[in-house]
Amino acid sequence: MTYRQATCPPELLGRVTAVTRLLPMGSVPLGGFAGGACAEWLGTRPTLWLCAGILLASPLPALLSPIRTWRDFPVR
């Protein structure tokens, strides 16, 4: 959040904050629909195993990203 506040122009900060809150909260209904569809198609137990695998794999993009090794973030 500090990086966002430092790099975003003050007149756009409210819009940027609204979008960064909307994207995670807006995806919750889509995830619920996808989970229900997978449970209907695969069954409950395989869907729970699929969710567990996805949750275990979710940190991989952040761990493999070059941003992880940055020490100084570019500021405009």
Protein backbone atom coordinates (compact mmCIF):
# COMPACT_ATOMS: atom_id res chain seq x y z
CA MET A 1 0.00 0.00 0.00
CA THR A 2 2.87 2.36 0.72
CA TYR A 3 4.33 1.79 -2.73
CA ARG A 4 0.94 2.47 -4.30
CA GLN A 5 0.59 5.71 -2.34
CA ALA A 6 4.11 6.81 -3.26
CA THR A 7 3.77 6.16 -7.00
CA CYS A 8 0.14 7.07 -7.65
CA PRO A 9 -0.75 10.69 -8.35
CA PRO A 10 -2.85 12.10 -5.48
CA GLU A 11 -5.82 12.87 -7.72
CA LEU A 12 -6.03 9.19 -8.79
CA LEU A 13 -5.37 7.56 -5.42
CA GLY A 14 -9.06 7.09 -4.60
CA ARG A 15 -9.75 5.38 -7.91
CA VAL A 16 -6.69 3.16 -7.64
CA THR A 17 -7.66 2.12 -4.12
CA ALA A 18 -11.23 1.37 -5.22
CA VAL A 19 -10.01 -0.85 -8.06
CA THR A 20 -7.53 -2.71 -5.85
CA ARG A 21 -10.37 -3.46 -3.42
CA LEU A 22 -12.89 -4.32 -6.12
CA LEU A 23 -10.77 -6.94 -7.87
CA PRO A 24 -10.29 -9.32 -4.91
CA MET A 25 -13.81 -8.80 -3.53
CA GLY A 26 -15.40 -8.99 -6.97
CA SER A 27 -13.82 -12.36 -7.66
CA VAL A 28 -15.46 -14.02 -4.63
CA PRO A 29 -18.78 -14.74 -6.43
CA LEU A 30 -16.87 -16.13 -9.40
CA GLY A 31 -14.90 -18.45 -7.12
CA GLY A 32 -18.08 -19.60 -5.46
CA PHE A 33 -19.63 -20.37 -8.81
CA ALA A 34 -16.51 -22.20 -9.99
CA GLY A 35 -16.33 -24.22 -6.76
CA GLY A 36 -19.97 -25.20 -7.03
CA ALA A 37 -19.58 -26.18 -10.66
CA CYS A 38 -16.48 -28.28 -9.89
CA ALA A 39 -18.25 -29.97 -6.97
CA GLU A 40 -21.18 -30.79 -9.23
CA TRP A 41 -18.92 -32.08 -12.01
CA LEU A 42 -16.11 -33.81 -10.04
CA GLY A 43 -17.71 -34.44 -6.65
CA THR A 44 -17.08 -32.85 -3.29
CA ARG A 45 -13.92 -34.67 -2.22
CA PRO A 46 -11.97 -34.18 -5.50
CA THR A 47 -13.00 -30.52 -5.53
CA LEU A 48 -11.61 -30.05 -2.03
CA TRP A 49 -8.34 -31.71 -3.10
CA LEU A 50 -8.23 -29.45 -6.14
CA CYS A 51 -8.74 -26.38 -3.93
CA ALA A 52 -5.99 -27.58 -1.58
CA GLY A 53 -3.60 -27.97 -4.52
CA ILE A 54 -4.43 -24.52 -5.85
CA LEU A 55 -3.90 -22.97 -2.42
CA LEU A 56 -0.54 -24.71 -2.03
CA ALA A 57 0.56 -23.53 -5.50
CA SER A 58 -0.65 -19.94 -5.07
CA PRO A 59 2.61 -18.54 -3.58
CA LEU A 60 4.69 -19.85 -6.50
CA PRO A 61 4.24 -16.82 -8.80
CA ALA A 62 5.39 -14.50 -6.02
CA LEU A 63 8.33 -16.74 -5.10
CA LEU A 64 9.48 -17.04 -8.71
CA SER A 65 9.01 -13.35 -9.51
CA PRO A 66 11.99 -11.02 -9.86
CA ILE A 67 10.13 -8.46 -7.74
CA ARG A 68 10.96 -10.58 -4.68
CA THR A 69 14.63 -9.61 -4.94
CA TRP A 70 14.08 -5.86 -5.44
CA ARG A 71 15.54 -3.73 -2.69
CA ASP A 72 14.59 -0.31 -4.08
CA PHE A 73 11.28 0.26 -5.78
CA PRO A 74 11.21 2.83 -8.58
CA VAL A 75 9.46 6.04 -7.54
CA ARG A 76 8.19 8.53 -10.08
